[in-house]
Every structure is written in structure tokens, then in C-alpha cells.
Amino acid sequence: MTKFKTGDTVWVKGKVNNSGDIIIFGETFLKEDFPYIDICNDNDRKPKVALTKTQADFLESFTYKPKALYYISRVGWDYAFTDNDEHEIDFESSKYKELLGNLPDEDELKKLLLEALINGYTVEQPLLYTVEIPNPNEIGGNKHVLAKDKNGVVRITFISFINWKEIEEFQLTEEEIKKDFEWAFQFAKPVEEK
């Protein structure tokens, strides 16, 4: 258990009632009796940063937060990014490029990951698309579309049912489409949120 000494600043989460009094662990404290209580709400906190799934997975691989803070904060001081298993990630590797995402350099990545550790983060959900390949000779509503097979490989497939756009196998990210079917992205339509 953490030991506190007189004069330490501590944060205690509570609620403010209709009278402006503070309720902490079911006990009511009058605001005027405790002028040193500084009320802040969740809106006063820095907002959570948005991470890609790769960046979030990297942070979540650390089982001990101080270790993540240490390894990330030392980047640039003759150290590369290091994972929880103490393997350095080469700045030229595809793993690093995926971790970097659309950020310009390792300093921005370092700043983003440290901010995520301190203030929390959300994971960006990639936009999903369905792709129907136009066919002027289509017969009876049959369509050629892109879909992921059970191994996650995107293929052109032939379907004949109406609600195909609602099925997960037909909902693909831009990256999945462009990997082997860049030419087909021109036919991609964003999946409508429910």
C-alpha cells in the first residue's frame, strides 16, 4: 500500500450533489468547509489520443506500465523502440513502418505513445468498404464481389443473395482491398453504420 505524508497532493474521485457539496465514498463534505478541495471534472482532463490497432497492440504487449514508459521515453537517445520482450524494432523494418502509421517520424510516435500511456487512448476503427465489380452482362442479380475467405485472403467471389453487404466477410479495409486488388478500390462503397 502507498504511504502518504502530510502535504502530499492526492486525487480522490467523488461526485458533486445538487447543493454543490462533495460526496466521496458516501460521505458528504461541504465545499466551504474544505476550501483546498479543487473540483475538476473529466472534461478538464486531456482527451484520450487515437491509436491505430498496431500502436495499441504494442502498448498492450507491455505487462508493466513503467516498463513501457521507460522503453518508449528512451527512444532517440541511441535506442530504438523496444517491445516487452526486449527486442529492438529496427527503424527500417516493416514492423516499425506499421507502428509509425501515418506519423512523420519516431519523435511524433514517441510523443503519441507516451501521451496514450499517461492520458489513455482509443483505438481507431478502420473504415470498412464493400466492393461490387460492375458487370454489364449480369444475369438475375448475381454479382461478382470481393470477400475474405476463412484464411483472411481477399478473393473475387460470385454471390446471388441480397444482404451480402451486411456480412462481415464482405466488409474490407482499404488496405485489404489494395493489397491484391488496387484496381478494384474505385468500386468500393463505405459500409453504412447501423
N, C-alpha and C. Protein backbone atom coordinates (compact mmCIF):
# COMPACT_ATOMS: atom_id res chain seq x y z
N MET A 1 0.84 -1.18 0.00
CA MET A 1 0.00 0.00 0.00
C MET A 1 0.89 1.25 0.00
N THR A 2 0.46 2.26 -0.75
CA THR A 2 1.23 3.50 -0.85
C THR A 2 1.14 4.28 0.45
N LYS A 3 2.27 4.79 0.90
CA LYS A 3 2.32 5.61 2.11
C LYS A 3 2.31 7.07 1.70
N PHE A 4 1.48 7.88 2.37
CA PHE A 4 1.42 9.30 2.11
C PHE A 4 1.95 10.04 3.33
N LYS A 5 2.49 11.22 3.07
CA LYS A 5 2.94 12.04 4.18
C LYS A 5 2.21 13.37 4.13
N THR A 6 2.18 14.08 5.23
CA THR A 6 1.49 15.36 5.31
C THR A 6 1.99 16.28 4.22
N GLY A 7 1.05 16.90 3.51
CA GLY A 7 1.40 17.84 2.45
C GLY A 7 1.38 17.24 1.06
N ASP A 8 1.29 15.88 0.98
CA ASP A 8 1.22 15.25 -0.34
C ASP A 8 -0.08 15.64 -1.03
N THR A 9 -0.02 15.84 -2.33
CA THR A 9 -1.22 16.08 -3.13
C THR A 9 -1.79 14.73 -3.53
N VAL A 10 -3.07 14.54 -3.31
CA VAL A 10 -3.73 13.29 -3.69
C VAL A 10 -4.97 13.63 -4.49
N TRP A 11 -5.37 12.70 -5.34
CA TRP A 11 -6.60 12.84 -6.11
C TRP A 11 -7.60 11.83 -5.58
N VAL A 12 -8.79 12.30 -5.29
CA VAL A 12 -9.85 11.43 -4.81
C VAL A 12 -11.06 11.66 -5.71
N LYS A 13 -11.59 10.60 -6.23
CA LYS A 13 -12.74 10.72 -7.12
C LYS A 13 -14.02 10.76 -6.29
N GLY A 14 -14.86 11.73 -6.61
CA GLY A 14 -16.14 11.86 -5.91
C GLY A 14 -17.17 12.45 -6.85
N LYS A 15 -18.33 12.82 -6.29
CA LYS A 15 -19.40 13.44 -7.07
C LYS A 15 -19.84 14.70 -6.36
N VAL A 16 -20.37 15.65 -7.13
CA VAL A 16 -20.93 16.88 -6.57
C VAL A 16 -22.44 16.73 -6.62
N ASN A 17 -23.12 16.99 -5.48
CA ASN A 17 -24.58 16.88 -5.47
C ASN A 17 -25.22 18.20 -5.89
N ASN A 18 -26.56 18.26 -5.85
CA ASN A 18 -27.30 19.45 -6.30
C ASN A 18 -26.96 20.69 -5.49
N SER A 19 -26.52 20.53 -4.26
CA SER A 19 -26.20 21.67 -3.40
C SER A 19 -24.77 22.15 -3.59
N GLY A 20 -24.01 21.46 -4.40
CA GLY A 20 -22.61 21.83 -4.59
C GLY A 20 -21.68 21.19 -3.59
N ASP A 21 -22.22 20.33 -2.72
CA ASP A 21 -21.39 19.62 -1.76
C ASP A 21 -20.73 18.42 -2.46
N ILE A 22 -19.65 17.95 -1.88
CA ILE A 22 -18.88 16.86 -2.48
C ILE A 22 -19.17 15.57 -1.74
N ILE A 23 -19.44 14.51 -2.49
CA ILE A 23 -19.71 13.20 -1.90
C ILE A 23 -18.58 12.27 -2.31
N ILE A 24 -17.87 11.77 -1.28
CA ILE A 24 -16.76 10.85 -1.51
C ILE A 24 -17.00 9.62 -0.65
N PHE A 25 -17.03 8.45 -1.28
CA PHE A 25 -17.29 7.19 -0.59
C PHE A 25 -18.53 7.27 0.29
N GLY A 26 -19.58 7.94 -0.21
CA GLY A 26 -20.84 8.03 0.51
C GLY A 26 -20.88 9.09 1.59
N GLU A 27 -19.78 9.74 1.89
CA GLU A 27 -19.74 10.80 2.91
C GLU A 27 -19.86 12.15 2.20
N THR A 28 -20.64 13.07 2.80
CA THR A 28 -20.83 14.40 2.22
C THR A 28 -19.88 15.38 2.89
N PHE A 29 -19.20 16.16 2.07
CA PHE A 29 -18.29 17.20 2.56
C PHE A 29 -18.77 18.53 2.01
N LEU A 30 -18.94 19.52 2.90
CA LEU A 30 -19.37 20.84 2.46
C LEU A 30 -18.20 21.56 1.81
N LYS A 31 -18.43 22.12 0.64
CA LYS A 31 -17.37 22.79 -0.11
C LYS A 31 -16.72 23.90 0.72
N GLU A 32 -17.54 24.68 1.45
CA GLU A 32 -16.98 25.81 2.21
C GLU A 32 -16.12 25.34 3.39
N ASP A 33 -16.32 24.11 3.85
CA ASP A 33 -15.50 23.59 4.94
C ASP A 33 -14.14 23.09 4.46
N PHE A 34 -14.01 22.91 3.17
CA PHE A 34 -12.76 22.40 2.61
C PHE A 34 -12.34 23.26 1.41
N PRO A 35 -11.86 24.47 1.68
CA PRO A 35 -11.52 25.38 0.57
C PRO A 35 -10.36 24.88 -0.28
N TYR A 36 -9.60 23.93 0.24
CA TYR A 36 -8.47 23.43 -0.53
C TYR A 36 -8.87 22.32 -1.50
N ILE A 37 -10.13 21.92 -1.48
CA ILE A 37 -10.59 20.90 -2.43
C ILE A 37 -10.78 21.57 -3.78
N ASP A 38 -10.08 21.10 -4.75
CA ASP A 38 -10.17 21.65 -6.10
C ASP A 38 -11.03 20.69 -6.92
N ILE A 39 -12.15 21.18 -7.40
CA ILE A 39 -13.05 20.33 -8.17
C ILE A 39 -12.66 20.39 -9.64
N CYS A 40 -12.44 19.24 -10.20
CA CYS A 40 -12.23 19.17 -11.64
C CYS A 40 -13.11 18.04 -12.16
N ASN A 41 -13.53 18.18 -13.38
CA ASN A 41 -14.35 17.11 -13.93
C ASN A 41 -13.58 16.42 -15.04
N ASP A 42 -14.17 15.38 -15.58
CA ASP A 42 -13.50 14.59 -16.61
C ASP A 42 -13.19 15.43 -17.85
N ASN A 43 -13.95 16.53 -18.06
CA ASN A 43 -13.71 17.37 -19.22
C ASN A 43 -12.43 18.19 -19.06
N ASP A 44 -11.93 18.33 -17.82
CA ASP A 44 -10.69 19.07 -17.59
C ASP A 44 -9.46 18.25 -17.95
N ARG A 45 -9.63 16.98 -18.07
CA ARG A 45 -8.51 16.11 -18.41
C ARG A 45 -8.18 16.22 -19.88
N LYS A 46 -6.96 15.91 -20.20
CA LYS A 46 -6.60 15.88 -21.62
C LYS A 46 -7.38 14.75 -22.28
N PRO A 47 -7.80 14.97 -23.50
CA PRO A 47 -8.55 13.91 -24.18
C PRO A 47 -7.66 12.70 -24.48
N LYS A 48 -8.31 11.58 -24.58
CA LYS A 48 -7.58 10.37 -24.96
C LYS A 48 -7.13 10.51 -26.41
N VAL A 49 -5.96 9.97 -26.70
CA VAL A 49 -5.46 10.03 -28.07
C VAL A 49 -5.97 8.82 -28.84
N ALA A 50 -6.00 8.96 -30.15
CA ALA A 50 -6.44 7.86 -31.01
C ALA A 50 -5.21 7.14 -31.55
N LEU A 51 -5.18 5.83 -31.35
CA LEU A 51 -4.08 4.99 -31.84
C LEU A 51 -4.59 4.04 -32.91
N THR A 52 -3.68 3.62 -33.77
CA THR A 52 -4.03 2.55 -34.69
C THR A 52 -4.05 1.25 -33.89
N LYS A 53 -4.61 0.22 -34.45
CA LYS A 53 -4.64 -1.07 -33.77
C LYS A 53 -3.22 -1.57 -33.49
N THR A 54 -2.31 -1.36 -34.42
CA THR A 54 -0.91 -1.79 -34.25
C THR A 54 -0.27 -1.07 -33.07
N GLN A 55 -0.50 0.24 -32.97
CA GLN A 55 0.06 1.01 -31.86
C GLN A 55 -0.53 0.57 -30.52
N ALA A 56 -1.84 0.34 -30.50
CA ALA A 56 -2.49 -0.12 -29.27
C ALA A 56 -1.98 -1.51 -28.88
N ASP A 57 -1.82 -2.40 -29.85
CA ASP A 57 -1.30 -3.74 -29.56
C ASP A 57 0.11 -3.66 -28.99
N PHE A 58 0.93 -2.73 -29.51
CA PHE A 58 2.28 -2.54 -29.00
C PHE A 58 2.24 -2.14 -27.53
N LEU A 59 1.39 -1.17 -27.18
CA LEU A 59 1.29 -0.74 -25.77
C LEU A 59 0.75 -1.86 -24.89
N GLU A 60 -0.24 -2.57 -25.38
CA GLU A 60 -0.87 -3.62 -24.58
C GLU A 60 0.05 -4.84 -24.40
N SER A 61 1.09 -4.92 -25.21
CA SER A 61 2.03 -6.04 -25.04
C SER A 61 2.84 -5.89 -23.76
N PHE A 62 2.93 -4.68 -23.24
CA PHE A 62 3.67 -4.46 -22.00
C PHE A 62 2.81 -4.86 -20.81
N THR A 63 3.34 -5.71 -19.99
CA THR A 63 2.59 -6.17 -18.82
C THR A 63 2.78 -5.24 -17.63
N TYR A 64 3.74 -4.34 -17.74
CA TYR A 64 4.08 -3.43 -16.64
C TYR A 64 4.25 -2.03 -17.23
N LYS A 65 3.31 -1.12 -16.90
CA LYS A 65 3.28 0.21 -17.50
C LYS A 65 4.59 0.99 -17.33
N PRO A 66 5.22 0.99 -16.16
CA PRO A 66 6.50 1.71 -16.05
C PRO A 66 7.57 1.21 -17.04
N LYS A 67 7.53 -0.06 -17.36
CA LYS A 67 8.47 -0.61 -18.34
C LYS A 67 8.20 0.00 -19.71
N ALA A 68 6.93 0.13 -20.07
CA ALA A 68 6.57 0.75 -21.35
C ALA A 68 7.02 2.21 -21.36
N LEU A 69 6.78 2.93 -20.27
CA LEU A 69 7.21 4.33 -20.19
C LEU A 69 8.73 4.44 -20.37
N TYR A 70 9.45 3.54 -19.74
CA TYR A 70 10.92 3.55 -19.83
C TYR A 70 11.38 3.31 -21.27
N TYR A 71 10.89 2.22 -21.87
CA TYR A 71 11.35 1.87 -23.21
C TYR A 71 10.95 2.92 -24.26
N ILE A 72 9.78 3.50 -24.10
CA ILE A 72 9.34 4.49 -25.09
C ILE A 72 10.05 5.83 -24.89
N SER A 73 10.22 6.25 -23.65
CA SER A 73 10.84 7.56 -23.40
C SER A 73 12.31 7.61 -23.78
N ARG A 74 12.97 6.48 -23.85
CA ARG A 74 14.40 6.50 -24.18
C ARG A 74 14.66 6.46 -25.68
N VAL A 75 13.61 6.32 -26.49
CA VAL A 75 13.77 6.29 -27.94
C VAL A 75 14.42 7.60 -28.40
N GLY A 76 15.40 7.49 -29.27
CA GLY A 76 16.08 8.66 -29.79
C GLY A 76 17.39 8.96 -29.07
N TRP A 77 17.61 8.34 -27.94
CA TRP A 77 18.85 8.51 -27.18
C TRP A 77 19.71 7.28 -27.40
N ASP A 78 19.99 7.01 -28.65
CA ASP A 78 20.73 5.82 -29.08
C ASP A 78 19.96 4.53 -28.84
N TYR A 79 18.64 4.64 -28.73
CA TYR A 79 17.79 3.46 -28.57
C TYR A 79 16.66 3.51 -29.59
N ALA A 80 16.28 2.35 -30.07
CA ALA A 80 15.11 2.23 -30.93
C ALA A 80 13.91 1.84 -30.05
N PHE A 81 12.73 1.74 -30.66
CA PHE A 81 11.58 1.24 -29.91
C PHE A 81 11.88 -0.21 -29.53
N THR A 82 11.52 -0.56 -28.31
CA THR A 82 11.78 -1.89 -27.78
C THR A 82 10.47 -2.46 -27.28
N ASP A 83 10.20 -3.72 -27.62
CA ASP A 83 8.94 -4.32 -27.17
C ASP A 83 9.10 -4.92 -25.77
N ASN A 84 8.03 -5.47 -25.27
CA ASN A 84 8.01 -6.03 -23.91
C ASN A 84 9.02 -7.15 -23.73
N ASP A 85 9.34 -7.85 -24.83
CA ASP A 85 10.31 -8.95 -24.77
C ASP A 85 11.75 -8.47 -24.96
N GLU A 86 11.94 -7.15 -24.93
CA GLU A 86 13.24 -6.50 -25.04
C GLU A 86 13.90 -6.68 -26.40
N HIS A 87 13.07 -6.83 -27.46
CA HIS A 87 13.57 -6.87 -28.83
C HIS A 87 13.45 -5.48 -29.41
N GLU A 88 14.57 -4.94 -29.90
CA GLU A 88 14.53 -3.63 -30.53
C GLU A 88 13.88 -3.75 -31.90
N ILE A 89 13.10 -2.72 -32.27
CA ILE A 89 12.42 -2.69 -33.55
C ILE A 89 13.22 -1.78 -34.47
N ASP A 90 13.84 -2.37 -35.49
CA ASP A 90 14.68 -1.63 -36.42
C ASP A 90 13.87 -0.57 -37.14
N PHE A 91 14.42 0.65 -37.24
CA PHE A 91 13.73 1.76 -37.88
C PHE A 91 13.47 1.53 -39.37
N GLU A 92 14.14 0.57 -39.97
CA GLU A 92 13.95 0.26 -41.39
C GLU A 92 12.98 -0.90 -41.60
N SER A 93 12.53 -1.53 -40.53
CA SER A 93 11.70 -2.73 -40.65
C SER A 93 10.25 -2.38 -40.99
N SER A 94 9.56 -3.37 -41.56
CA SER A 94 8.14 -3.20 -41.86
C SER A 94 7.33 -3.09 -40.57
N LYS A 95 7.79 -3.76 -39.51
CA LYS A 95 7.10 -3.67 -38.22
C LYS A 95 7.12 -2.23 -37.70
N TYR A 96 8.27 -1.55 -37.85
CA TYR A 96 8.36 -0.15 -37.42
C TYR A 96 7.47 0.73 -38.28
N LYS A 97 7.48 0.52 -39.60
CA LYS A 97 6.67 1.33 -40.50
C LYS A 97 5.18 1.17 -40.18
N GLU A 98 4.78 -0.04 -39.82
CA GLU A 98 3.38 -0.27 -39.44
C GLU A 98 3.07 0.41 -38.11
N LEU A 99 4.02 0.38 -37.17
CA LEU A 99 3.85 1.04 -35.88
C LEU A 99 3.77 2.56 -36.07
N LEU A 100 4.56 3.09 -36.97
CA LEU A 100 4.59 4.53 -37.25
C LEU A 100 3.27 5.01 -37.83
N GLY A 101 2.62 4.16 -38.62
CA GLY A 101 1.35 4.56 -39.24
C GLY A 101 1.57 5.74 -40.16
N ASN A 102 0.74 6.79 -40.00
CA ASN A 102 0.87 7.96 -40.87
C ASN A 102 1.63 9.10 -40.19
N LEU A 103 2.32 8.81 -39.10
CA LEU A 103 3.10 9.84 -38.40
C LEU A 103 4.41 10.09 -39.15
N PRO A 104 4.94 11.32 -39.09
CA PRO A 104 6.12 11.64 -39.89
C PRO A 104 7.44 11.03 -39.40
N ASP A 105 7.59 10.82 -38.08
CA ASP A 105 8.88 10.32 -37.58
C ASP A 105 8.74 9.71 -36.20
N GLU A 106 9.86 9.15 -35.70
CA GLU A 106 9.82 8.45 -34.41
C GLU A 106 9.55 9.39 -33.24
N ASP A 107 9.91 10.67 -33.37
CA ASP A 107 9.62 11.61 -32.28
C ASP A 107 8.12 11.79 -32.08
N GLU A 108 7.39 11.88 -33.19
CA GLU A 108 5.93 12.01 -33.10
C GLU A 108 5.29 10.73 -32.56
N LEU A 109 5.84 9.58 -32.97
CA LEU A 109 5.33 8.30 -32.46
C LEU A 109 5.60 8.19 -30.97
N LYS A 110 6.80 8.54 -30.57
CA LYS A 110 7.18 8.51 -29.15
C LYS A 110 6.23 9.40 -28.33
N LYS A 111 6.00 10.61 -28.80
CA LYS A 111 5.11 11.56 -28.11
C LYS A 111 3.68 10.99 -28.02
N LEU A 112 3.18 10.44 -29.12
CA LEU A 112 1.84 9.87 -29.15
C LEU A 112 1.70 8.71 -28.16
N LEU A 113 2.67 7.79 -28.16
CA LEU A 113 2.59 6.62 -27.28
C LEU A 113 2.70 7.01 -25.81
N LEU A 114 3.57 7.98 -25.50
CA LEU A 114 3.68 8.44 -24.11
C LEU A 114 2.39 9.11 -23.66
N GLU A 115 1.81 9.93 -24.54
CA GLU A 115 0.55 10.58 -24.20
C GLU A 115 -0.56 9.54 -23.99
N ALA A 116 -0.55 8.50 -24.80
CA ALA A 116 -1.54 7.43 -24.66
C ALA A 116 -1.39 6.71 -23.33
N LEU A 117 -0.15 6.46 -22.92
CA LEU A 117 0.09 5.80 -21.62
C LEU A 117 -0.38 6.67 -20.45
N ILE A 118 -0.19 7.98 -20.58
CA ILE A 118 -0.50 8.88 -19.48
C ILE A 118 -1.99 9.23 -19.43
N ASN A 119 -2.57 9.56 -20.59
CA ASN A 119 -3.95 10.06 -20.62
C ASN A 119 -4.97 9.04 -21.10
N GLY A 120 -4.52 7.90 -21.55
CA GLY A 120 -5.44 6.91 -22.08
C GLY A 120 -5.57 7.05 -23.59
N TYR A 121 -6.20 6.07 -24.20
CA TYR A 121 -6.31 6.09 -25.66
C TYR A 121 -7.55 5.33 -26.12
N THR A 122 -7.91 5.61 -27.35
CA THR A 122 -8.94 4.85 -28.04
C THR A 122 -8.28 4.24 -29.26
N VAL A 123 -8.87 3.21 -29.79
CA VAL A 123 -8.31 2.56 -30.97
C VAL A 123 -9.15 2.97 -32.18
N GLU A 124 -8.46 3.54 -33.18
CA GLU A 124 -9.14 3.93 -34.41
C GLU A 124 -9.70 2.68 -35.09
N GLN A 125 -10.93 2.78 -35.47
CA GLN A 125 -11.52 1.68 -36.23
C GLN A 125 -11.38 2.01 -37.70
N PRO A 126 -10.74 1.16 -38.48
CA PRO A 126 -10.56 1.48 -39.90
C PRO A 126 -11.91 1.51 -40.62
N LEU A 127 -11.99 2.36 -41.63
CA LEU A 127 -13.19 2.39 -42.45
C LEU A 127 -13.32 1.07 -43.19
N LEU A 128 -14.54 0.59 -43.27
CA LEU A 128 -14.80 -0.66 -43.99
C LEU A 128 -15.55 -0.36 -45.28
N TYR A 129 -15.28 -1.16 -46.28
CA TYR A 129 -15.88 -0.99 -47.60
C TYR A 129 -16.40 -2.32 -48.11
N THR A 130 -17.40 -2.24 -48.99
CA THR A 130 -17.80 -3.40 -49.78
C THR A 130 -17.44 -3.08 -51.23
N VAL A 131 -17.09 -4.11 -51.98
CA VAL A 131 -16.69 -3.90 -53.38
C VAL A 131 -17.50 -4.83 -54.28
N GLU A 132 -18.31 -4.22 -55.12
CA GLU A 132 -19.04 -4.96 -56.15
C GLU A 132 -18.42 -4.59 -57.49
N ILE A 133 -17.97 -5.57 -58.21
CA ILE A 133 -17.34 -5.33 -59.50
C ILE A 133 -18.44 -5.25 -60.56
N PRO A 134 -18.54 -4.10 -61.23
CA PRO A 134 -19.63 -3.93 -62.21
C PRO A 134 -19.56 -4.97 -63.34
N ASN A 135 -20.71 -5.45 -63.74
CA ASN A 135 -20.80 -6.43 -64.81
C ASN A 135 -22.03 -6.09 -65.66
N PRO A 136 -21.82 -5.55 -66.84
CA PRO A 136 -22.96 -5.17 -67.68
C PRO A 136 -23.75 -6.39 -68.17
N ASN A 137 -23.18 -7.57 -68.06
CA ASN A 137 -23.85 -8.78 -68.52
C ASN A 137 -24.41 -9.61 -67.37
N GLU A 138 -24.63 -8.95 -66.24
CA GLU A 138 -25.14 -9.63 -65.04
C GLU A 138 -26.51 -10.25 -65.33
N ILE A 139 -26.70 -11.45 -64.82
CA ILE A 139 -27.96 -12.16 -65.04
C ILE A 139 -28.61 -12.45 -63.70
N GLY A 140 -29.84 -12.04 -63.53
CA GLY A 140 -30.65 -12.40 -62.37
C GLY A 140 -30.12 -11.95 -61.02
N GLY A 141 -29.44 -10.84 -60.92
CA GLY A 141 -28.99 -10.33 -59.62
C GLY A 141 -27.71 -10.97 -59.11
N ASN A 142 -27.10 -11.86 -59.87
CA ASN A 142 -25.82 -12.45 -59.46
C ASN A 142 -24.72 -11.40 -59.59
N LYS A 143 -23.81 -11.39 -58.61
CA LYS A 143 -22.78 -10.35 -58.57
C LYS A 143 -21.40 -10.94 -58.34
N HIS A 144 -20.39 -10.21 -58.85
CA HIS A 144 -19.00 -10.51 -58.53
C HIS A 144 -18.57 -9.47 -57.50
N VAL A 145 -18.08 -9.95 -56.35
CA VAL A 145 -17.69 -9.05 -55.26
C VAL A 145 -16.37 -9.53 -54.66
N LEU A 146 -15.76 -8.66 -53.87
CA LEU A 146 -14.57 -9.06 -53.12
C LEU A 146 -15.01 -9.54 -51.74
N ALA A 147 -14.36 -10.60 -51.26
CA ALA A 147 -14.67 -11.16 -49.95
C ALA A 147 -13.42 -11.81 -49.38
N LYS A 148 -13.38 -11.88 -48.04
CA LYS A 148 -12.28 -12.58 -47.35
C LYS A 148 -12.68 -14.03 -47.15
N ASP A 149 -11.77 -14.93 -47.47
CA ASP A 149 -12.05 -16.34 -47.19
C ASP A 149 -11.71 -16.65 -45.73
N LYS A 150 -11.85 -17.90 -45.32
CA LYS A 150 -11.64 -18.27 -43.92
C LYS A 150 -10.21 -18.05 -43.45
N ASN A 151 -9.26 -17.91 -44.40
CA ASN A 151 -7.86 -17.65 -44.06
C ASN A 151 -7.52 -16.17 -44.09
N GLY A 152 -8.53 -15.33 -44.36
CA GLY A 152 -8.30 -13.89 -44.41
C GLY A 152 -7.79 -13.39 -45.74
N VAL A 153 -7.76 -14.25 -46.76
CA VAL A 153 -7.29 -13.86 -48.09
C VAL A 153 -8.46 -13.28 -48.87
N VAL A 154 -8.24 -12.11 -49.48
CA VAL A 154 -9.30 -11.46 -50.26
C VAL A 154 -9.32 -12.06 -51.66
N ARG A 155 -10.53 -12.41 -52.09
CA ARG A 155 -10.72 -13.04 -53.40
C ARG A 155 -11.96 -12.45 -54.08
N ILE A 156 -12.02 -12.62 -55.38
CA ILE A 156 -13.25 -12.29 -56.11
C ILE A 156 -14.16 -13.50 -55.99
N THR A 157 -15.39 -13.24 -55.61
CA THR A 157 -16.33 -14.35 -55.45
C THR A 157 -17.64 -13.99 -56.13
N PHE A 158 -18.42 -15.01 -56.41
CA PHE A 158 -19.70 -14.88 -57.11
C PHE A 158 -20.81 -15.12 -56.11
N ILE A 159 -21.72 -14.16 -55.97
CA ILE A 159 -22.82 -14.33 -55.00
C ILE A 159 -24.16 -14.08 -55.67
N SER A 160 -25.20 -14.57 -55.00
CA SER A 160 -26.55 -14.38 -55.55
C SER A 160 -27.56 -14.03 -54.47
N PHE A 161 -27.12 -13.46 -53.37
CA PHE A 161 -28.09 -13.10 -52.34
C PHE A 161 -28.04 -11.58 -52.09
N ILE A 162 -29.11 -11.06 -51.53
CA ILE A 162 -29.32 -9.61 -51.45
C ILE A 162 -28.55 -8.94 -50.32
N ASN A 163 -28.52 -9.51 -49.13
CA ASN A 163 -27.97 -8.82 -47.95
C ASN A 163 -26.46 -9.04 -47.76
N TRP A 164 -25.73 -9.28 -48.80
CA TRP A 164 -24.31 -9.58 -48.72
C TRP A 164 -23.50 -8.45 -48.07
N LYS A 165 -23.92 -7.20 -48.23
CA LYS A 165 -23.17 -6.06 -47.69
C LYS A 165 -23.16 -6.06 -46.16
N GLU A 166 -24.08 -6.76 -45.53
CA GLU A 166 -24.16 -6.80 -44.07
C GLU A 166 -23.29 -7.90 -43.45
N ILE A 167 -22.71 -8.75 -44.27
CA ILE A 167 -21.94 -9.90 -43.80
C ILE A 167 -20.46 -9.50 -43.69
N GLU A 168 -19.87 -9.83 -42.56
CA GLU A 168 -18.51 -9.41 -42.22
C GLU A 168 -17.46 -9.78 -43.28
N GLU A 169 -17.57 -10.93 -43.90
CA GLU A 169 -16.58 -11.38 -44.88
C GLU A 169 -16.49 -10.46 -46.09
N PHE A 170 -17.54 -9.68 -46.34
CA PHE A 170 -17.57 -8.79 -47.49
C PHE A 170 -17.17 -7.36 -47.12
N GLN A 171 -16.95 -7.10 -45.83
CA GLN A 171 -16.57 -5.77 -45.35
C GLN A 171 -15.06 -5.73 -45.17
N LEU A 172 -14.39 -4.95 -46.01
CA LEU A 172 -12.94 -4.95 -46.09
C LEU A 172 -12.37 -3.56 -45.82
N THR A 173 -11.14 -3.51 -45.32
CA THR A 173 -10.45 -2.23 -45.15
C THR A 173 -9.82 -1.84 -46.48
N GLU A 174 -9.46 -0.57 -46.58
CA GLU A 174 -8.78 -0.10 -47.80
C GLU A 174 -7.50 -0.89 -48.02
N GLU A 175 -6.76 -1.14 -46.96
CA GLU A 175 -5.50 -1.88 -47.06
C GLU A 175 -5.74 -3.29 -47.58
N GLU A 176 -6.78 -3.96 -47.08
CA GLU A 176 -7.07 -5.32 -47.53
C GLU A 176 -7.43 -5.34 -49.02
N ILE A 177 -8.19 -4.34 -49.45
CA ILE A 177 -8.60 -4.28 -50.86
C ILE A 177 -7.39 -4.01 -51.74
N LYS A 178 -6.60 -3.01 -51.37
CA LYS A 178 -5.50 -2.57 -52.23
C LYS A 178 -4.32 -3.55 -52.27
N LYS A 179 -4.25 -4.45 -51.31
CA LYS A 179 -3.12 -5.39 -51.28
C LYS A 179 -3.01 -6.15 -52.60
N ASP A 180 -4.11 -6.73 -53.06
CA ASP A 180 -4.09 -7.51 -54.30
C ASP A 180 -5.04 -6.97 -55.38
N PHE A 181 -5.93 -6.04 -54.98
CA PHE A 181 -6.97 -5.57 -55.90
C PHE A 181 -7.05 -4.04 -55.91
N GLU A 182 -5.89 -3.40 -56.05
CA GLU A 182 -5.87 -1.93 -56.02
C GLU A 182 -6.82 -1.35 -57.08
N TRP A 183 -6.86 -1.98 -58.24
CA TRP A 183 -7.73 -1.51 -59.32
C TRP A 183 -9.21 -1.52 -58.93
N ALA A 184 -9.58 -2.39 -58.01
CA ALA A 184 -10.99 -2.54 -57.63
C ALA A 184 -11.43 -1.51 -56.59
N PHE A 185 -10.48 -0.78 -55.99
CA PHE A 185 -10.86 0.18 -54.95
C PHE A 185 -11.77 1.28 -55.51
N GLN A 186 -11.69 1.54 -56.81
CA GLN A 186 -12.55 2.55 -57.42
C GLN A 186 -14.04 2.18 -57.30
N PHE A 187 -14.34 0.92 -57.06
CA PHE A 187 -15.72 0.46 -56.92
C PHE A 187 -16.14 0.31 -55.45
N ALA A 188 -15.25 0.64 -54.54
CA ALA A 188 -15.51 0.46 -53.09
C ALA A 188 -16.57 1.45 -52.61
N LYS A 189 -17.47 0.96 -51.78
CA LYS A 189 -18.50 1.80 -51.16
C LYS A 189 -18.38 1.64 -49.65
N PRO A 190 -18.36 2.76 -48.91
CA PRO A 190 -18.25 2.66 -47.45
C PRO A 190 -19.42 1.88 -46.85
N VAL A 191 -19.12 1.08 -45.83
CA VAL A 191 -20.16 0.33 -45.12
C VAL A 191 -20.95 1.33 -44.30
N GLU A 192 -22.26 1.25 -44.38
CA GLU A 192 -23.11 2.15 -43.61
C GLU A 192 -23.21 1.66 -42.18
N GLU A 193 -23.01 2.60 -41.22
CA GLU A 193 -23.11 2.24 -39.80
C GLU A 193 -24.57 2.02 -39.44
N LYS A 194 -24.78 1.08 -38.51
CA LYS A 194 -26.16 0.76 -38.08
C LYS A 194 -26.54 1.60 -36.90
